[in-house]
N, C-alpha and C. Protein backbone atom coordinates (compact mmCIF):
# COMPACT_ATOMS: atom_id res chain seq x y z
N UNK A 1 -0.32 -117.54 -55.18
CA UNK A 1 -0.90 -118.24 -56.31
C UNK A 1 -0.72 -119.74 -56.17
N UNK A 2 0.35 -120.17 -55.54
CA UNK A 2 0.63 -121.59 -55.36
C UNK A 2 -0.42 -122.24 -54.46
N UNK A 3 -0.86 -121.51 -53.42
CA UNK A 3 -1.89 -122.05 -52.53
C UNK A 3 -3.21 -122.22 -53.25
N UNK A 4 -3.50 -121.32 -54.16
CA UNK A 4 -4.73 -121.44 -54.95
C UNK A 4 -4.70 -122.69 -55.83
N UNK A 5 -3.53 -122.97 -56.40
CA UNK A 5 -3.38 -124.19 -57.21
C UNK A 5 -3.55 -125.44 -56.35
N UNK A 6 -2.98 -125.41 -55.14
CA UNK A 6 -3.12 -126.56 -54.24
C UNK A 6 -4.58 -126.77 -53.87
N UNK A 7 -5.28 -125.67 -53.58
CA UNK A 7 -6.70 -125.77 -53.23
C UNK A 7 -7.52 -126.31 -54.40
N UNK A 8 -7.23 -125.83 -55.60
CA UNK A 8 -7.97 -126.32 -56.76
C UNK A 8 -7.69 -127.79 -57.04
N UNK A 9 -6.52 -128.26 -56.67
CA UNK A 9 -6.21 -129.68 -56.81
C UNK A 9 -6.89 -130.52 -55.74
N UNK A 10 -7.12 -129.94 -54.56
CA UNK A 10 -7.74 -130.68 -53.46
C UNK A 10 -9.26 -130.72 -53.54
N UNK A 11 -9.89 -129.75 -54.18
CA UNK A 11 -11.36 -129.69 -54.20
C UNK A 11 -12.03 -130.95 -54.75
N UNK A 12 -11.56 -131.53 -55.85
CA UNK A 12 -12.20 -132.77 -56.31
C UNK A 12 -12.07 -133.91 -55.29
N UNK A 13 -10.94 -133.99 -54.61
CA UNK A 13 -10.77 -135.03 -53.60
C UNK A 13 -11.70 -134.80 -52.42
N UNK A 14 -11.83 -133.55 -52.00
CA UNK A 14 -12.73 -133.23 -50.90
C UNK A 14 -14.17 -133.53 -51.28
N UNK A 15 -14.58 -133.18 -52.49
CA UNK A 15 -15.94 -133.46 -52.94
C UNK A 15 -16.18 -134.97 -53.00
N UNK A 16 -15.19 -135.71 -53.42
CA UNK A 16 -15.32 -137.18 -53.47
C UNK A 16 -15.47 -137.76 -52.07
N UNK A 17 -14.66 -137.29 -51.13
CA UNK A 17 -14.75 -137.78 -49.76
C UNK A 17 -16.12 -137.45 -49.17
N UNK A 18 -16.61 -136.23 -49.40
CA UNK A 18 -17.93 -135.86 -48.92
C UNK A 18 -19.01 -136.74 -49.53
N UNK A 19 -18.91 -137.00 -50.82
CA UNK A 19 -19.91 -137.84 -51.48
C UNK A 19 -19.91 -139.27 -50.96
N UNK A 20 -18.73 -139.85 -50.79
CA UNK A 20 -18.64 -141.21 -50.26
C UNK A 20 -19.14 -141.26 -48.83
N UNK A 21 -18.75 -140.27 -48.03
CA UNK A 21 -19.21 -140.24 -46.63
C UNK A 21 -20.73 -140.08 -46.56
N UNK A 22 -21.29 -139.22 -47.41
CA UNK A 22 -22.75 -139.03 -47.42
C UNK A 22 -23.45 -140.32 -47.82
N UNK A 23 -22.90 -141.04 -48.79
CA UNK A 23 -23.48 -142.32 -49.20
C UNK A 23 -23.45 -143.32 -48.06
N UNK A 24 -22.31 -143.44 -47.38
CA UNK A 24 -22.18 -144.40 -46.27
C UNK A 24 -23.13 -144.04 -45.14
N UNK A 25 -23.19 -142.76 -44.78
CA UNK A 25 -24.10 -142.33 -43.72
C UNK A 25 -25.54 -142.63 -44.12
N UNK A 26 -25.90 -142.33 -45.34
CA UNK A 26 -27.26 -142.58 -45.82
C UNK A 26 -27.58 -144.07 -45.77
N UNK A 27 -26.64 -144.89 -46.19
CA UNK A 27 -26.84 -146.33 -46.19
C UNK A 27 -27.06 -146.86 -44.77
N UNK A 28 -26.24 -146.42 -43.84
CA UNK A 28 -26.37 -146.87 -42.45
C UNK A 28 -27.68 -146.38 -41.84
N UNK A 29 -28.04 -145.14 -42.11
CA UNK A 29 -29.30 -144.60 -41.57
C UNK A 29 -30.49 -145.37 -42.11
N UNK A 30 -30.49 -145.66 -43.40
CA UNK A 30 -31.60 -146.40 -43.99
C UNK A 30 -31.71 -147.81 -43.40
N UNK A 31 -30.58 -148.43 -43.09
CA UNK A 31 -30.60 -149.77 -42.52
C UNK A 31 -31.02 -149.79 -41.06
N UNK A 32 -30.71 -148.73 -40.32
CA UNK A 32 -30.92 -148.76 -38.87
C UNK A 32 -32.08 -147.93 -38.37
N UNK A 33 -32.71 -147.13 -39.19
CA UNK A 33 -33.73 -146.21 -38.67
C UNK A 33 -34.99 -146.91 -38.16
N UNK A 34 -35.19 -148.16 -38.48
CA UNK A 34 -36.36 -148.89 -38.00
C UNK A 34 -36.06 -149.80 -36.81
N UNK A 35 -34.84 -149.73 -36.27
CA UNK A 35 -34.49 -150.51 -35.08
C UNK A 35 -35.30 -149.95 -33.91
N UNK A 36 -35.70 -150.82 -33.00
CA UNK A 36 -36.68 -150.46 -31.97
C UNK A 36 -36.35 -149.20 -31.17
N UNK A 37 -35.13 -149.01 -30.73
CA UNK A 37 -34.79 -147.82 -29.95
C UNK A 37 -34.53 -146.61 -30.84
N UNK A 38 -33.94 -146.84 -31.99
CA UNK A 38 -33.62 -145.75 -32.91
C UNK A 38 -34.89 -145.20 -33.56
N UNK A 39 -35.92 -146.00 -33.62
CA UNK A 39 -37.19 -145.59 -34.23
C UNK A 39 -37.77 -144.36 -33.53
N UNK A 40 -37.45 -144.19 -32.25
CA UNK A 40 -37.97 -143.07 -31.46
C UNK A 40 -37.22 -141.76 -31.74
N UNK A 41 -36.04 -141.85 -32.33
CA UNK A 41 -35.23 -140.67 -32.64
C UNK A 41 -35.64 -140.16 -34.03
N UNK A 42 -35.83 -138.84 -34.19
CA UNK A 42 -36.13 -138.32 -35.53
C UNK A 42 -35.01 -138.67 -36.51
N UNK A 43 -35.37 -138.97 -37.75
CA UNK A 43 -34.41 -139.44 -38.74
C UNK A 43 -33.30 -138.41 -38.98
N UNK A 44 -33.64 -137.13 -39.01
CA UNK A 44 -32.60 -136.11 -39.25
C UNK A 44 -31.61 -136.07 -38.09
N UNK A 45 -32.09 -136.26 -36.88
CA UNK A 45 -31.19 -136.30 -35.73
C UNK A 45 -30.32 -137.54 -35.78
N UNK A 46 -30.92 -138.68 -36.14
CA UNK A 46 -30.17 -139.92 -36.26
C UNK A 46 -29.08 -139.79 -37.34
N UNK A 47 -29.42 -139.13 -38.43
CA UNK A 47 -28.45 -138.91 -39.50
C UNK A 47 -27.26 -138.09 -38.99
N UNK A 48 -27.54 -137.07 -38.19
CA UNK A 48 -26.47 -136.25 -37.63
C UNK A 48 -25.59 -137.06 -36.69
N UNK A 49 -26.20 -137.88 -35.86
CA UNK A 49 -25.45 -138.72 -34.91
C UNK A 49 -24.56 -139.70 -35.67
N UNK A 50 -25.12 -140.37 -36.66
CA UNK A 50 -24.34 -141.35 -37.44
C UNK A 50 -23.18 -140.65 -38.15
N UNK A 51 -23.44 -139.48 -38.70
CA UNK A 51 -22.38 -138.76 -39.40
C UNK A 51 -21.24 -138.40 -38.47
N UNK A 52 -21.55 -137.90 -37.29
CA UNK A 52 -20.50 -137.53 -36.33
C UNK A 52 -19.75 -138.76 -35.86
N UNK A 53 -20.49 -139.82 -35.55
CA UNK A 53 -19.87 -141.05 -35.04
C UNK A 53 -18.99 -141.71 -36.09
N UNK A 54 -19.29 -141.55 -37.35
CA UNK A 54 -18.46 -142.14 -38.40
C UNK A 54 -17.28 -141.26 -38.80
N UNK A 55 -17.50 -139.96 -38.90
CA UNK A 55 -16.46 -139.07 -39.43
C UNK A 55 -15.29 -138.88 -38.49
N UNK A 56 -15.55 -138.71 -37.21
CA UNK A 56 -14.45 -138.45 -36.28
C UNK A 56 -13.53 -139.66 -36.16
N UNK A 57 -14.03 -140.89 -35.95
CA UNK A 57 -13.11 -142.03 -35.95
C UNK A 57 -12.41 -142.25 -37.30
N UNK A 58 -13.10 -141.94 -38.39
CA UNK A 58 -12.47 -142.07 -39.71
C UNK A 58 -11.30 -141.10 -39.83
N UNK A 59 -11.46 -139.90 -39.28
CA UNK A 59 -10.34 -138.95 -39.29
C UNK A 59 -9.17 -139.48 -38.47
N UNK A 60 -9.46 -140.01 -37.27
CA UNK A 60 -8.38 -140.55 -36.45
C UNK A 60 -7.66 -141.69 -37.17
N UNK A 61 -8.42 -142.54 -37.84
CA UNK A 61 -7.81 -143.64 -38.57
C UNK A 61 -6.94 -143.12 -39.71
N UNK A 62 -7.44 -142.13 -40.45
CA UNK A 62 -6.65 -141.58 -41.54
C UNK A 62 -5.41 -140.85 -41.03
N UNK A 63 -5.57 -140.09 -39.96
CA UNK A 63 -4.43 -139.35 -39.40
C UNK A 63 -3.35 -140.32 -38.91
N UNK A 64 -3.77 -141.42 -38.32
CA UNK A 64 -2.82 -142.42 -37.87
C UNK A 64 -2.12 -143.06 -39.07
N UNK A 65 -2.90 -143.41 -40.08
CA UNK A 65 -2.34 -144.03 -41.28
C UNK A 65 -1.36 -143.10 -41.99
N UNK A 66 -1.74 -141.83 -42.13
CA UNK A 66 -0.92 -140.87 -42.86
C UNK A 66 0.14 -140.21 -41.98
N UNK A 67 0.18 -140.59 -40.71
CA UNK A 67 1.14 -140.03 -39.75
C UNK A 67 1.03 -138.52 -39.65
N UNK A 68 -0.24 -138.06 -39.55
CA UNK A 68 -0.53 -136.64 -39.40
C UNK A 68 -0.74 -136.37 -37.91
N UNK A 69 -0.18 -135.28 -37.42
CA UNK A 69 -0.39 -134.91 -36.02
C UNK A 69 -1.85 -134.52 -35.82
N UNK A 70 -2.48 -135.06 -34.81
CA UNK A 70 -3.89 -134.77 -34.53
C UNK A 70 -3.94 -133.52 -33.66
N UNK A 71 -4.56 -132.49 -34.19
CA UNK A 71 -4.69 -131.21 -33.49
C UNK A 71 -6.16 -130.98 -33.15
N UNK A 72 -6.41 -130.16 -32.15
CA UNK A 72 -7.79 -129.92 -31.73
C UNK A 72 -8.60 -129.26 -32.84
N UNK A 73 -7.98 -128.37 -33.62
CA UNK A 73 -8.72 -127.69 -34.67
C UNK A 73 -9.02 -128.62 -35.84
N UNK A 74 -8.23 -129.68 -36.02
CA UNK A 74 -8.58 -130.69 -37.02
C UNK A 74 -9.85 -131.41 -36.60
N UNK A 75 -9.93 -131.76 -35.33
CA UNK A 75 -11.11 -132.45 -34.82
C UNK A 75 -12.33 -131.55 -34.96
N UNK A 76 -12.18 -130.26 -34.66
CA UNK A 76 -13.28 -129.32 -34.83
C UNK A 76 -13.70 -129.23 -36.29
N UNK A 77 -12.73 -129.17 -37.20
CA UNK A 77 -13.03 -129.10 -38.63
C UNK A 77 -13.75 -130.37 -39.10
N UNK A 78 -13.34 -131.52 -38.57
CA UNK A 78 -14.02 -132.77 -38.94
C UNK A 78 -15.44 -132.78 -38.38
N UNK A 79 -15.63 -132.23 -37.19
CA UNK A 79 -16.97 -132.14 -36.61
C UNK A 79 -17.87 -131.27 -37.49
N UNK A 80 -17.38 -130.12 -37.91
CA UNK A 80 -18.15 -129.23 -38.79
C UNK A 80 -18.42 -129.93 -40.13
N UNK A 81 -17.42 -130.63 -40.66
CA UNK A 81 -17.60 -131.35 -41.92
C UNK A 81 -18.64 -132.46 -41.75
N UNK A 82 -18.67 -133.10 -40.59
CA UNK A 82 -19.66 -134.16 -40.38
C UNK A 82 -21.07 -133.58 -40.33
N UNK A 83 -21.22 -132.37 -39.82
CA UNK A 83 -22.53 -131.71 -39.86
C UNK A 83 -22.93 -131.38 -41.30
N UNK A 84 -21.95 -130.96 -42.10
CA UNK A 84 -22.23 -130.70 -43.51
C UNK A 84 -22.61 -131.99 -44.24
N UNK A 85 -21.94 -133.08 -43.90
CA UNK A 85 -22.26 -134.37 -44.51
C UNK A 85 -23.66 -134.82 -44.11
N UNK A 86 -24.04 -134.61 -42.86
CA UNK A 86 -25.40 -134.99 -42.45
C UNK A 86 -26.44 -134.12 -43.17
N UNK A 87 -26.12 -132.85 -43.38
CA UNK A 87 -27.02 -131.96 -44.13
C UNK A 87 -27.17 -132.44 -45.57
N UNK A 88 -26.04 -132.77 -46.20
CA UNK A 88 -26.07 -133.27 -47.58
C UNK A 88 -26.89 -134.56 -47.65
N UNK A 89 -26.66 -135.45 -46.69
CA UNK A 89 -27.37 -136.73 -46.68
C UNK A 89 -28.87 -136.52 -46.52
N UNK A 90 -29.26 -135.72 -45.54
CA UNK A 90 -30.67 -135.51 -45.25
C UNK A 90 -31.38 -134.84 -46.42
N UNK A 91 -30.84 -133.75 -46.87
CA UNK A 91 -31.53 -133.00 -47.93
C UNK A 91 -31.33 -133.63 -49.30
N UNK A 92 -30.30 -134.42 -49.45
CA UNK A 92 -30.12 -135.15 -50.70
C UNK A 92 -31.23 -136.16 -50.91
N UNK A 93 -31.56 -136.90 -49.85
CA UNK A 93 -32.65 -137.88 -49.96
C UNK A 93 -33.99 -137.19 -50.14
N UNK A 94 -34.21 -136.07 -49.44
CA UNK A 94 -35.47 -135.35 -49.61
C UNK A 94 -35.63 -134.86 -51.04
N UNK A 95 -34.56 -134.33 -51.60
CA UNK A 95 -34.61 -133.85 -52.98
C UNK A 95 -34.79 -135.01 -53.95
N UNK A 96 -34.09 -136.12 -53.70
CA UNK A 96 -34.23 -137.29 -54.56
C UNK A 96 -35.66 -137.82 -54.53
N UNK A 97 -36.25 -137.93 -53.33
CA UNK A 97 -37.63 -138.41 -53.22
C UNK A 97 -38.61 -137.47 -53.90
N UNK A 98 -38.39 -136.17 -53.77
CA UNK A 98 -39.25 -135.19 -54.42
C UNK A 98 -39.17 -135.33 -55.94
N UNK A 99 -37.97 -135.48 -56.47
CA UNK A 99 -37.81 -135.66 -57.92
C UNK A 99 -38.42 -136.98 -58.38
N UNK A 100 -38.24 -138.02 -57.58
CA UNK A 100 -38.80 -139.32 -57.93
C UNK A 100 -40.32 -139.25 -58.01
N UNK A 101 -40.95 -138.62 -57.05
CA UNK A 101 -42.42 -138.50 -57.05
C UNK A 101 -42.89 -137.65 -58.21
N UNK A 102 -42.14 -136.60 -58.53
CA UNK A 102 -42.54 -135.72 -59.62
C UNK A 102 -42.50 -136.43 -60.96
N UNK A 103 -41.45 -137.19 -61.21
CA UNK A 103 -41.30 -137.85 -62.50
C UNK A 103 -41.92 -139.21 -62.57
N UNK A 104 -42.38 -139.74 -61.44
CA UNK A 104 -43.03 -141.04 -61.41
C UNK A 104 -44.42 -140.99 -62.04
N UNK A 105 -45.05 -139.84 -62.01
CA UNK A 105 -46.42 -139.68 -62.53
C UNK A 105 -46.55 -139.99 -63.97
């Protein structure tokens, strides 16, 4: 039961980190997607690349700051989380644009 309480206490923090990371990834993608070389890469692929490139170094920085031992499965978990963040970013904007067009009329 104690682990369930710990998980319920961590969920808001995890959701906040995902939201902030999705916002940062979205912001960077929107700023860079028209750069001459990046323009040739599909936006969803670019979003995935930016998410991975930002999340893994951010984990290393946090682990160093918090003095957490860096394990291979942590890196794998951060990689999977970065894919989830890129999914949230990509489909979040698609949903937002769809709602904007619907209510703009």
